[in-house]
Amino acid sequence: MAQLPAGIRFIVSFSRDQWYRAFIFILTFLLYASFHLSRKPISIVKGELHKYCAAWDEAEVRFSSQSNKAGYVTPRQLPDNKTDCGWAPFDKDNYQQLLGALDYSFLCAYAIGMYLSGIIGERLPIRYYLSSGMLASGAFTALFGLGYFYNIHSLGFYVVTQVINGLVQTTGWPSVVTCLGNWFGKGRRGLIMGVWNSHTSVGNILGSLIAGCWVSTCWGLSFIVPGAIVAAMGIVCFLFLIEHPKDVRCSSTLSTHSKGYENGTNRFRLQKQILNSEKNKPLDPEMQCLLLSDGKGSIQPNHVVIVRGDSGSGTAAISFTGALKIPGVIEFSLCLLFAKLVSYTFLFWLPLYITNVDHLDAKKAGELSTLFDVGGIFGGILAGVISDRLEKRASTCGLMLLLAAPTLYTFSTISKMGLEATVAMLLLSGALVSGPYALITTAVSADLGTHKSLKGNAHALSTVTAIIDGTGSVGAALGPLLAGLISPSGWSNVFYMLMFADACALLFLIRLIHKELSCPGSATGDQVPFKEQ
């Protein structure tokens, strides 16, 4: 018998379950990368919406000089209510506040909607919920770009479009994290989700490059093309997304206890006998460590969150307040608020900062800003590997936040020394800023959503993810808004604000770090080391 070709031997070396997991990993990666791809164009187009007024020939230079002496400045008028200062209404002196309003309207709607999205998503099939959100997001992203072709100069139009787009995009994160959490257990979760979370940076990079293709010639296409990509991925999601391994009769590594499953709706069903047998079982040392706030005192049993349905079978979705009782949810949520404030300030204002400091056009500034996301890819993976090896999520985040503070301090100074210095600082800052952000939104959220205190109920995964990311999105909304208000007084003040936010993020982790060092695994309840099968 002839030997099988090397390619076929490679294929058959993996089990059916492994191939399905790889497929879900890649699919959810691409789905959420497309979400971020559609968020990036606004930051690239900012430099085109407002441009410095420029004379077009020497005669205009002389005329402008004479006009300035007379105290009167007249920007060159172009057709369709457009001047060489940019696109109305963003061609005014208060353009930074107007552009900040676009960021704030999207992010504020996203933050508010995220709290509701996780609760709604738990009660609907993930595939339908995510697909509809992606189709709607694609439509409203493209609608923003249509303002260019239909010559729309109303600030209200662009703000309303951003608000609705922010709301529909909240369907994405709880859905993909819940789906990935169903397919992958806690073993090496930090590494797996660290690699997977690079979709954020990949989406930002692709969004920057795609938007940059038309930003200087036809910026409307910078929105329409990403919108079409998101909508197309929504169709792919509807056709191919598998919510749970049990839907295709694959084994699940999400939990280690004996459980039944409710097929097709991503729901765990605890057997009544398991609940009854655990009622009188004493808490194990790990659970005791989780419920002790300072290592002293007695354990309060009512701190253990056990969610039961109307029939008492443990199938009801967890409440918002019940999810907040999970140890570590509040602390990590507040930490993410400030971490996301820093990250999203870079996301929305970095291209404009590079344009002002390095004097590059909008396209080149957008391309250069992708280096921040390249650094973010390595930062997210590094954070996952370190946290898996040390089994200390909070300590890993704290270390990277501690190193990020002096990096942000030196960024504004070193980046003014030239293009090479800017490149180096973008890579380093991206790694240190995005590392904790990536770890908290993925591995930490999944750990807490399947926390020991839930007694195996996995309904909390979507809600916990939404609470953590929703709180973080409040910071994501505040960051660009504050940058828009502070930047007129100087970019140095913006970086001082970012340093303060970084210090606040570290402050909220101190208690968890102390618990983690005194009682390993207590920050997320993830104490069982991974063992190769």
Protein backbone atom coordinates (compact mmCIF):
# COMPACT_ATOMS: atom_id res chain seq x y z
CA MET A 1 0.00 0.00 0.00
CA ALA A 2 1.33 3.39 -1.02
CA GLN A 3 2.12 5.89 1.70
CA LEU A 4 -0.39 8.69 2.12
CA PRO A 5 0.70 12.11 0.89
CA ALA A 6 2.08 14.44 3.54
CA GLY A 7 -0.91 16.79 3.24
CA ILE A 8 -3.40 13.99 3.83
CA ARG A 9 -1.38 12.67 6.78
CA PHE A 10 -1.51 16.17 8.26
CA ILE A 11 -5.29 16.34 7.84
CA VAL A 12 -6.01 12.94 9.40
CA SER A 13 -3.62 13.64 12.30
CA PHE A 14 -6.30 15.88 13.81
CA SER A 15 -9.56 14.62 15.20
CA ARG A 16 -12.99 15.73 14.05
CA ASP A 17 -13.40 17.78 17.24
CA GLN A 18 -10.11 19.58 16.65
CA TRP A 19 -11.06 20.54 13.11
CA TYR A 20 -14.38 21.94 14.29
CA ARG A 21 -12.64 23.94 17.02
CA ALA A 22 -10.14 25.33 14.53
CA PHE A 23 -13.01 26.30 12.24
CA ILE A 24 -14.87 28.14 15.03
CA PHE A 25 -11.66 29.82 16.14
CA ILE A 26 -10.99 31.18 12.63
CA LEU A 27 -14.62 32.08 11.94
CA THR A 28 -15.17 34.06 15.15
CA PHE A 29 -11.78 35.71 14.61
CA LEU A 30 -12.86 36.96 11.18
CA LEU A 31 -16.33 37.96 12.36
CA TYR A 32 -15.11 40.29 15.07
CA ALA A 33 -12.17 41.54 13.01
CA SER A 34 -14.77 42.83 10.55
CA PHE A 35 -16.47 44.77 13.36
CA HIS A 36 -13.22 46.56 14.17
CA LEU A 37 -12.51 47.02 10.48
CA SER A 38 -15.70 49.12 10.26
CA ARG A 39 -14.81 51.26 13.32
CA LYS A 40 -11.44 52.43 12.07
CA PRO A 41 -12.43 54.59 9.04
CA ILE A 42 -13.66 57.51 11.15
CA SER A 43 -10.19 58.03 12.63
CA ILE A 44 -8.57 57.85 9.19
CA VAL A 45 -11.04 60.26 7.59
CA LYS A 46 -10.71 62.89 10.33
CA GLY A 47 -7.68 64.38 8.62
CA GLU A 48 -9.74 64.79 5.45
CA LEU A 49 -12.89 66.14 7.11
CA HIS A 50 -10.80 69.00 8.43
CA LYS A 51 -7.73 70.23 6.59
CA TYR A 52 -5.65 73.31 7.25
CA CYS A 53 -6.69 76.15 4.95
CA ALA A 54 -4.10 76.42 2.20
CA ALA A 55 -3.56 78.88 -0.60
CA TRP A 56 -3.38 77.31 -4.02
CA ASP A 57 -1.04 79.71 -5.77
CA GLU A 58 1.23 82.65 -5.07
CA ALA A 59 -1.49 85.18 -5.86
CA GLU A 60 -3.72 83.60 -3.24
CA VAL A 61 -0.83 83.64 -0.79
CA ARG A 62 -0.42 87.39 -1.25
CA PHE A 63 -4.17 87.94 -1.03
CA SER A 64 -4.36 85.83 2.10
CA SER A 65 -1.51 87.81 3.66
CA GLN A 66 -3.24 91.10 2.92
CA SER A 67 -6.53 89.77 4.25
CA ASN A 68 -4.91 88.62 7.46
CA LYS A 69 -3.49 92.08 8.01
CA ALA A 70 -7.00 93.44 7.65
CA GLY A 71 -8.21 90.91 10.20
CA TYR A 72 -10.24 88.90 7.70
CA VAL A 73 -9.62 85.32 6.53
CA THR A 74 -11.55 83.81 3.62
CA PRO A 75 -10.93 80.13 2.92
CA ARG A 76 -11.17 79.18 -0.70
CA GLN A 77 -14.73 78.17 -1.50
CA LEU A 78 -15.22 74.98 -3.45
CA PRO A 79 -18.44 73.53 -4.91
CA ASP A 80 -21.09 71.88 -2.77
CA ASN A 81 -20.48 73.82 0.43
CA LYS A 82 -16.96 72.42 0.73
CA THR A 83 -13.88 74.52 1.41
CA ASP A 84 -10.20 73.72 1.24
CA CYS A 85 -10.42 73.57 5.06
CA GLY A 86 -12.36 70.30 4.79
CA TRP A 87 -15.93 69.06 4.74
CA ALA A 88 -18.62 71.20 6.36
CA PRO A 89 -19.53 71.30 9.21
CA PHE A 90 -16.08 70.05 10.26
CA ASP A 91 -14.24 72.92 8.57
CA LYS A 92 -14.81 75.30 11.46
CA ASP A 93 -12.42 76.27 14.23
CA ASN A 94 -14.22 73.95 16.68
CA TYR A 95 -13.59 70.94 14.46
CA GLN A 96 -11.92 68.96 17.27
CA GLN A 97 -15.05 69.17 19.41
CA LEU A 98 -17.25 68.19 16.44
CA LEU A 99 -15.06 65.23 15.55
CA GLY A 100 -14.99 64.27 19.22
CA ALA A 101 -18.79 64.32 19.20
CA LEU A 102 -18.79 61.67 16.47
CA ASP A 103 -16.55 59.43 18.57
CA TYR A 104 -18.52 60.07 21.74
CA SER A 105 -21.91 59.40 20.14
CA PHE A 106 -20.76 56.01 18.86
CA LEU A 107 -18.95 54.94 22.03
CA CYS A 108 -21.57 56.21 24.44
CA ALA A 109 -24.29 54.29 22.58
CA TYR A 110 -22.00 51.26 22.51
CA ALA A 111 -21.41 51.44 26.27
CA ILE A 112 -25.11 51.75 27.10
CA GLY A 113 -26.15 49.07 24.65
CA MET A 114 -23.53 46.62 25.86
CA TYR A 115 -25.21 46.23 29.27
CA LEU A 116 -28.43 45.18 27.55
CA SER A 117 -26.79 43.18 24.78
CA GLY A 118 -25.44 40.41 27.01
CA ILE A 119 -28.80 39.94 28.74
CA ILE A 120 -30.67 39.86 25.42
CA GLY A 121 -28.07 37.65 23.79
CA GLU A 122 -28.43 34.96 26.45
CA ARG A 123 -32.10 34.59 25.57
CA LEU A 124 -31.67 34.38 21.79
CA PRO A 125 -29.76 32.00 19.53
CA ILE A 126 -26.28 33.44 19.05
CA ARG A 127 -26.25 32.83 15.31
CA TYR A 128 -29.40 34.85 14.65
CA TYR A 129 -28.46 37.59 17.10
CA LEU A 130 -24.94 38.08 15.75
CA SER A 131 -25.92 37.86 12.09
CA SER A 132 -28.64 40.49 12.40
CA GLY A 133 -26.27 42.81 14.26
CA MET A 134 -23.60 42.50 11.57
CA LEU A 135 -26.05 43.21 8.75
CA ALA A 136 -27.35 46.29 10.56
CA SER A 137 -23.84 47.48 11.37
CA GLY A 138 -22.80 47.15 7.73
CA ALA A 139 -25.81 49.18 6.64
CA PHE A 140 -25.17 52.09 9.02
CA THR A 141 -21.42 52.13 8.38
CA ALA A 142 -22.15 52.49 4.67
CA LEU A 143 -24.82 55.11 5.42
CA PHE A 144 -22.17 57.38 6.94
CA GLY A 145 -20.20 57.19 3.70
CA LEU A 146 -23.27 57.97 1.63
CA GLY A 147 -23.19 61.44 3.20
CA TYR A 148 -20.28 62.18 0.85
CA PHE A 149 -22.14 61.16 -2.31
CA TYR A 150 -25.41 62.86 -1.35
CA ASN A 151 -23.60 66.02 -0.22
CA ILE A 152 -24.91 65.90 3.35
CA HIS A 153 -23.43 68.51 5.70
CA SER A 154 -25.69 68.07 8.72
CA LEU A 155 -23.91 67.19 11.95
CA GLY A 156 -27.11 65.56 13.20
CA PHE A 157 -27.08 63.05 10.33
CA TYR A 158 -23.59 61.83 11.15
CA VAL A 159 -24.20 61.76 14.91
CA VAL A 160 -27.45 59.75 14.60
CA THR A 161 -25.75 57.32 12.24
CA GLN A 162 -22.95 56.83 14.75
CA VAL A 163 -25.40 56.31 17.64
CA ILE A 164 -27.38 53.59 15.84
CA ASN A 165 -24.21 51.93 14.61
CA GLY A 166 -22.86 51.89 18.17
CA LEU A 167 -26.00 50.19 19.43
CA VAL A 168 -26.09 47.42 16.81
CA GLN A 169 -22.37 46.69 17.17
CA THR A 170 -22.96 45.60 20.78
CA THR A 171 -24.30 42.32 19.43
CA GLY A 172 -20.77 41.29 18.51
CA TRP A 173 -18.58 40.92 21.56
CA PRO A 174 -20.82 38.96 23.97
CA SER A 175 -21.78 36.62 21.14
CA VAL A 176 -18.29 35.72 19.91
CA VAL A 177 -16.81 35.39 23.43
CA THR A 178 -19.68 33.15 24.53
CA CYS A 179 -19.33 30.99 21.42
CA LEU A 180 -15.56 30.67 21.86
CA GLY A 181 -16.00 29.95 25.57
CA ASN A 182 -18.35 27.08 24.68
CA TRP A 183 -15.77 25.48 22.42
CA PHE A 184 -12.59 25.97 24.45
CA GLY A 185 -12.05 25.05 28.09
CA LYS A 186 -9.85 26.80 30.61
CA GLY A 187 -6.67 24.96 29.66
CA ARG A 188 -4.33 27.46 27.96
CA ARG A 189 -7.23 29.88 27.71
CA GLY A 190 -4.91 32.86 28.09
CA LEU A 191 -2.75 31.81 25.13
CA ILE A 192 -5.68 30.76 22.94
CA MET A 193 -7.66 33.92 23.58
CA GLY A 194 -4.52 36.06 23.42
CA VAL A 195 -3.93 34.86 19.87
CA TRP A 196 -7.64 35.06 19.07
CA ASN A 197 -7.96 38.59 20.43
CA SER A 198 -5.47 39.80 17.85
CA HIS A 199 -8.56 40.13 15.66
CA THR A 200 -8.91 43.59 17.22
CA SER A 201 -5.55 44.71 15.88
CA VAL A 202 -5.95 42.86 12.58
CA GLY A 203 -9.32 44.54 12.06
CA ASN A 204 -7.87 47.95 12.91
CA ILE A 205 -4.97 47.43 10.52
CA LEU A 206 -7.20 46.29 7.65
CA GLY A 207 -9.65 49.10 8.38
CA SER A 208 -6.85 51.66 8.24
CA LEU A 209 -5.47 50.31 4.98
CA ILE A 210 -8.87 49.97 3.31
CA ALA A 211 -10.05 53.41 4.42
CA GLY A 212 -6.70 54.89 3.40
CA CYS A 213 -7.18 53.77 -0.20
CA TRP A 214 -9.91 56.36 -0.78
CA VAL A 215 -9.48 58.89 2.02
CA SER A 216 -7.82 61.54 -0.15
CA THR A 217 -9.93 61.02 -3.26
CA CYS A 218 -13.40 59.79 -2.24
CA TRP A 219 -13.71 59.36 1.53
CA GLY A 220 -17.27 58.05 1.24
CA LEU A 221 -15.89 54.75 -0.04
CA SER A 222 -13.75 54.56 3.11
CA PHE A 223 -17.02 53.74 4.91
CA ILE A 224 -19.03 51.98 2.22
CA VAL A 225 -16.46 49.28 1.49
CA PRO A 226 -15.95 48.30 5.19
CA GLY A 227 -19.73 48.37 5.63
CA ALA A 228 -20.15 45.92 2.74
CA ILE A 229 -17.49 43.64 4.27
CA VAL A 230 -19.26 43.56 7.66
CA ALA A 231 -22.61 42.79 6.02
CA ALA A 232 -21.04 40.00 3.95
CA MET A 233 -19.51 38.48 7.08
CA GLY A 234 -22.96 38.63 8.70
CA ILE A 235 -24.24 36.34 5.94
CA VAL A 236 -21.27 34.02 6.48
CA CYS A 237 -22.08 33.97 10.20
CA PHE A 238 -25.69 32.98 9.53
CA LEU A 239 -24.63 30.16 7.22
CA PHE A 240 -21.73 28.66 9.17
CA LEU A 241 -21.61 29.61 12.88
CA ILE A 242 -21.99 26.66 15.26
CA GLU A 243 -22.93 27.90 18.72
CA HIS A 244 -22.04 24.86 20.78
CA PRO A 245 -20.01 21.67 20.26
CA LYS A 246 -23.02 19.57 21.23
CA ASP A 247 -24.84 20.91 18.16
CA VAL A 248 -22.52 18.80 15.99
CA ARG A 249 -21.97 16.07 18.59
CA CYS A 250 -18.49 17.18 19.52
CA SER A 251 -17.11 16.85 23.03
CA SER A 252 -17.05 19.94 25.21
CA THR A 253 -14.06 20.95 27.32
CA LEU A 254 -15.87 23.87 28.92
CA SER A 255 -16.58 22.06 32.16
CA THR A 256 -15.37 19.03 34.02
CA HIS A 257 -18.55 18.09 35.89
CA SER A 258 -21.22 15.77 34.59
CA LYS A 259 -23.93 17.84 32.96
CA GLY A 260 -26.64 17.55 30.38
CA TYR A 261 -27.02 20.09 27.64
CA GLU A 262 -29.85 21.90 25.98
CA ASN A 263 -29.01 21.56 22.29
CA GLY A 264 -28.95 24.54 19.94
CA THR A 265 -29.34 27.39 22.41
CA ASN A 266 -26.00 27.45 24.24
CA ARG A 267 -27.51 26.48 27.58
CA PHE A 268 -26.24 24.18 30.31
CA ARG A 269 -28.72 22.11 32.27
CA LEU A 270 -27.47 20.91 35.66
CA GLN A 271 -28.85 17.61 36.78
CA LYS A 272 -31.05 17.93 39.86
CA GLN A 273 -29.12 15.27 41.65
CA ILE A 274 -25.89 17.27 41.26
CA LEU A 275 -27.46 20.33 42.82
CA ASN A 276 -28.93 18.32 45.65
CA SER A 277 -25.69 16.52 46.36
CA GLU A 278 -23.75 19.79 46.45
CA LYS A 279 -26.06 21.54 48.84
CA ASN A 280 -24.59 19.84 51.89
CA LYS A 281 -21.08 19.43 50.52
CA PRO A 282 -18.50 21.55 52.37
CA LEU A 283 -16.75 24.20 50.34
CA ASP A 284 -13.38 23.11 48.98
CA PRO A 285 -10.23 25.08 49.83
CA GLU A 286 -10.30 26.82 46.46
CA MET A 287 -13.83 28.13 47.03
CA GLN A 288 -12.93 29.21 50.55
CA CYS A 289 -10.02 31.18 49.14
CA LEU A 290 -12.29 32.80 46.58
CA LEU A 291 -14.80 34.00 49.12
CA LEU A 292 -12.37 35.37 51.66
CA SER A 293 -11.76 39.04 51.06
CA ASP A 294 -8.62 39.32 53.14
CA GLY A 295 -7.76 35.79 54.16
CA LYS A 296 -9.45 36.20 57.54
CA GLY A 297 -12.93 35.75 58.90
CA SER A 298 -15.64 33.26 58.13
CA ILE A 299 -17.15 32.36 54.79
CA GLN A 300 -20.58 33.76 53.99
CA PRO A 301 -22.50 31.10 52.06
CA ASN A 302 -24.86 33.67 50.56
CA HIS A 303 -21.97 35.03 48.49
CA VAL A 304 -22.10 31.92 46.32
CA VAL A 305 -24.21 32.64 43.28
CA ILE A 306 -26.45 29.70 42.37
CA VAL A 307 -28.90 30.44 39.58
CA ARG A 308 -32.02 28.32 39.28
CA GLY A 309 -34.84 28.42 36.78
CA ASP A 310 -38.51 28.34 37.61
CA SER A 311 -38.40 24.57 37.77
CA GLY A 312 -35.29 24.63 39.95
CA SER A 313 -33.21 22.88 37.34
CA GLY A 314 -30.60 25.61 37.09
CA THR A 315 -31.36 26.67 33.50
CA ALA A 316 -32.39 30.29 34.03
CA ALA A 317 -30.17 33.08 32.76
CA ILE A 318 -28.27 34.86 35.50
CA SER A 319 -29.49 38.29 36.58
CA PHE A 320 -27.44 41.47 36.24
CA THR A 321 -27.00 41.76 40.02
CA GLY A 322 -26.17 38.08 40.27
CA ALA A 323 -23.33 38.50 37.78
CA LEU A 324 -21.99 41.45 39.77
CA LYS A 325 -21.66 39.19 42.83
CA ILE A 326 -19.12 37.00 41.09
CA PRO A 327 -15.75 37.76 42.75
CA GLY A 328 -13.57 39.94 40.56
CA VAL A 329 -16.22 41.18 38.11
CA ILE A 330 -16.45 44.70 39.55
CA GLU A 331 -12.70 45.15 39.95
CA PHE A 332 -11.82 43.97 36.46
CA SER A 333 -14.68 46.01 34.99
CA LEU A 334 -13.38 49.24 36.54
CA CYS A 335 -9.83 48.40 35.51
CA LEU A 336 -10.99 47.89 31.94
CA LEU A 337 -12.80 51.24 32.03
CA PHE A 338 -9.49 53.07 32.30
CA ALA A 339 -7.53 50.64 30.12
CA LYS A 340 -10.04 51.09 27.32
CA LEU A 341 -9.97 54.85 27.81
CA VAL A 342 -6.28 54.78 26.89
CA SER A 343 -6.66 52.29 24.06
CA TYR A 344 -9.58 54.01 22.33
CA THR A 345 -7.99 57.43 22.61
CA PHE A 346 -5.16 56.02 20.52
CA LEU A 347 -7.65 54.30 18.21
CA PHE A 348 -9.59 57.45 17.35
CA TRP A 349 -6.99 60.22 17.66
CA LEU A 350 -3.63 58.67 16.79
CA PRO A 351 -3.78 59.37 13.02
CA LEU A 352 -4.61 63.03 13.65
CA TYR A 353 -1.81 63.27 16.23
CA ILE A 354 0.68 61.82 13.74
CA THR A 355 -0.56 64.26 11.09
CA ASN A 356 0.05 67.21 13.39
CA VAL A 357 3.38 66.07 14.86
CA ASP A 358 5.06 64.38 11.89
CA HIS A 359 3.29 66.53 9.27
CA LEU A 360 2.09 63.59 7.17
CA ASP A 361 -1.03 63.45 5.03
CA ALA A 362 -4.10 61.50 6.15
CA LYS A 363 -3.24 58.36 4.18
CA LYS A 364 0.34 58.06 5.43
CA ALA A 365 -0.69 58.87 9.00
CA GLY A 366 -3.32 56.14 8.87
CA GLU A 367 -0.80 53.61 7.61
CA LEU A 368 1.72 54.57 10.28
CA SER A 369 -0.91 54.31 13.03
CA THR A 370 -1.31 50.59 12.26
CA LEU A 371 2.00 49.98 14.05
CA PHE A 372 0.19 50.59 17.34
CA ASP A 373 -2.08 47.66 16.49
CA VAL A 374 0.88 45.52 15.41
CA GLY A 375 2.32 46.06 18.87
CA GLY A 376 -1.10 45.21 20.30
CA ILE A 377 -1.02 41.78 18.64
CA PHE A 378 2.23 40.86 20.38
CA GLY A 379 1.06 42.43 23.64
CA GLY A 380 -2.14 40.40 23.75
CA ILE A 381 -0.36 37.12 23.03
CA LEU A 382 2.39 37.89 25.54
CA ALA A 383 -0.14 38.70 28.25
CA GLY A 384 -1.96 35.42 27.60
CA VAL A 385 1.21 33.32 27.71
CA ILE A 386 2.48 34.94 30.92
CA SER A 387 -0.88 34.67 32.70
CA ASP A 388 -1.21 30.99 31.73
CA ARG A 389 2.30 30.22 32.93
CA LEU A 390 1.97 32.10 36.22
CA GLU A 391 -1.79 31.43 36.62
CA LYS A 392 -2.12 35.06 37.69
CA ARG A 393 -4.33 37.18 35.44
CA ALA A 394 -4.49 40.28 37.67
CA SER A 395 -0.74 40.33 38.33
CA THR A 396 0.00 40.08 34.61
CA CYS A 397 -2.31 43.02 33.85
CA GLY A 398 -0.84 45.01 36.72
CA LEU A 399 2.74 44.52 35.52
CA MET A 400 1.96 45.67 31.99
CA LEU A 401 -0.02 48.68 33.24
CA LEU A 402 2.89 49.62 35.49
CA LEU A 403 5.28 49.56 32.53
CA ALA A 404 2.79 51.44 30.32
CA ALA A 405 2.78 54.56 32.51
CA PRO A 406 6.39 55.67 31.86
CA THR A 407 6.03 54.62 28.22
CA LEU A 408 3.09 56.99 27.76
CA TYR A 409 5.06 59.73 29.49
CA THR A 410 7.94 59.41 27.05
CA PHE A 411 5.74 58.87 23.97
CA SER A 412 4.83 62.52 23.48
CA THR A 413 8.48 63.58 23.82
CA ILE A 414 10.28 60.89 21.85
CA SER A 415 7.73 60.80 19.01
CA LYS A 416 8.64 64.42 18.18
CA MET A 417 12.25 63.43 17.47
CA GLY A 418 11.47 61.92 14.09
CA LEU A 419 9.70 59.17 12.22
CA GLU A 420 11.96 56.36 13.50
CA ALA A 421 11.29 57.30 17.12
CA THR A 422 7.55 57.39 16.43
CA VAL A 423 7.66 53.87 14.98
CA ALA A 424 9.47 52.46 18.03
CA MET A 425 7.13 54.13 20.52
CA LEU A 426 4.03 53.01 18.61
CA LEU A 427 5.11 49.36 18.79
CA LEU A 428 6.04 49.50 22.47
CA SER A 429 2.98 51.48 23.54
CA GLY A 430 0.67 49.21 21.55
CA ALA A 431 2.02 46.12 23.30
CA LEU A 432 1.80 47.51 26.84
CA VAL A 433 -1.57 49.25 26.43
CA SER A 434 -3.34 46.48 24.50
CA GLY A 435 -1.99 43.57 26.58
CA PRO A 436 -4.14 44.13 29.71
CA TYR A 437 -7.11 45.25 27.59
CA ALA A 438 -6.95 42.03 25.55
CA LEU A 439 -6.50 39.78 28.57
CA ILE A 440 -9.41 41.25 30.53
CA THR A 441 -11.88 41.24 27.65
CA THR A 442 -11.13 37.62 26.69
CA ALA A 443 -9.56 35.17 29.12
CA VAL A 444 -10.57 37.00 32.30
CA SER A 445 -14.15 37.46 31.09
CA ALA A 446 -14.40 33.79 30.15
CA ASP A 447 -12.88 32.73 33.49
CA LEU A 448 -15.34 34.82 35.46
CA GLY A 449 -18.27 33.77 33.28
CA THR A 450 -17.55 30.12 34.18
CA HIS A 451 -16.55 30.91 37.77
CA LYS A 452 -16.62 28.23 40.47
CA SER A 453 -19.14 30.24 42.46
CA LEU A 454 -21.68 29.68 39.67
CA LYS A 455 -21.73 25.97 40.45
CA GLY A 456 -21.42 25.11 36.77
CA ASN A 457 -24.11 27.43 35.42
CA ALA A 458 -22.74 28.86 32.18
CA HIS A 459 -25.57 31.29 31.53
CA ALA A 460 -23.43 34.00 33.11
CA LEU A 461 -20.81 33.98 30.37
CA SER A 462 -22.59 36.38 28.03
CA THR A 463 -23.81 38.64 30.84
CA VAL A 464 -20.42 38.84 32.56
CA THR A 465 -18.73 39.56 29.24
CA ALA A 466 -21.25 42.33 28.54
CA ILE A 467 -20.83 43.87 32.01
CA ILE A 468 -17.03 43.94 31.80
CA ASP A 469 -16.88 45.20 28.22
CA GLY A 470 -19.81 47.58 28.78
CA THR A 471 -18.04 49.21 31.71
CA GLY A 472 -14.87 49.36 29.65
CA SER A 473 -16.83 51.02 26.87
CA VAL A 474 -17.72 53.87 29.21
CA GLY A 475 -14.00 54.60 29.34
CA ALA A 476 -13.80 54.10 25.57
CA ALA A 477 -16.41 56.86 25.21
CA LEU A 478 -14.73 59.20 27.69
CA GLY A 479 -11.23 58.89 26.24
CA PRO A 480 -11.84 60.31 22.75
CA LEU A 481 -14.20 62.93 24.22
CA LEU A 482 -11.59 64.14 26.69
CA ALA A 483 -8.93 64.08 23.99
CA GLY A 484 -11.10 66.30 21.82
CA LEU A 485 -11.57 68.76 24.67
CA ILE A 486 -7.96 68.73 25.90
CA SER A 487 -6.02 68.59 22.61
CA PRO A 488 -6.56 72.29 21.74
CA SER A 489 -4.46 73.12 24.83
CA GLY A 490 -1.66 70.87 23.60
CA TRP A 491 -1.07 67.19 22.90
CA SER A 492 1.14 66.92 26.00
CA ASN A 493 -1.93 67.39 28.18
CA VAL A 494 -3.65 64.51 26.39
CA PHE A 495 -0.77 62.21 27.31
CA TYR A 496 -0.92 63.37 30.94
CA MET A 497 -4.57 62.37 30.93
CA LEU A 498 -3.66 58.96 29.54
CA MET A 499 -1.02 58.45 32.24
CA PHE A 500 -3.56 59.27 34.94
CA ALA A 501 -6.03 56.78 33.45
CA ASP A 502 -3.35 54.09 33.36
CA ALA A 503 -2.59 54.69 37.06
CA CYS A 504 -6.31 54.39 37.92
CA ALA A 505 -6.54 51.08 36.05
CA LEU A 506 -3.64 49.75 38.09
CA LEU A 507 -5.21 51.02 41.32
CA PHE A 508 -8.35 48.92 40.88
CA LEU A 509 -6.24 45.78 40.46
CA ILE A 510 -4.24 46.15 43.68
CA ARG A 511 -6.71 44.24 45.85
CA LEU A 512 -7.00 41.43 43.30
CA ILE A 513 -3.22 41.23 42.94
CA HIS A 514 -2.88 40.95 46.72
CA LYS A 515 -5.46 38.15 46.81
CA GLU A 516 -3.82 36.43 43.87
CA LEU A 517 -0.37 36.43 45.45
CA SER A 518 -1.65 35.29 48.84
CA CYS A 519 -4.06 32.72 47.41
CA PRO A 520 -3.15 31.63 43.86
CA GLY A 521 -6.02 31.63 41.38
CA SER A 522 -8.40 33.60 43.57
CA ALA A 523 -8.77 36.52 41.17
CA THR A 524 -10.67 34.50 38.58
CA GLY A 525 -11.24 31.16 40.26
CA ASP A 526 -9.04 29.45 37.71
CA GLN A 527 -6.75 27.32 39.86
CA VAL A 528 -6.47 23.96 38.21
CA PRO A 529 -3.28 23.88 36.12
CA PHE A 530 -3.61 22.63 32.56
CA LYS A 531 -2.32 19.16 31.86
CA GLU A 532 -1.65 17.70 28.46
CA GLN A 533 -4.02 14.89 27.61
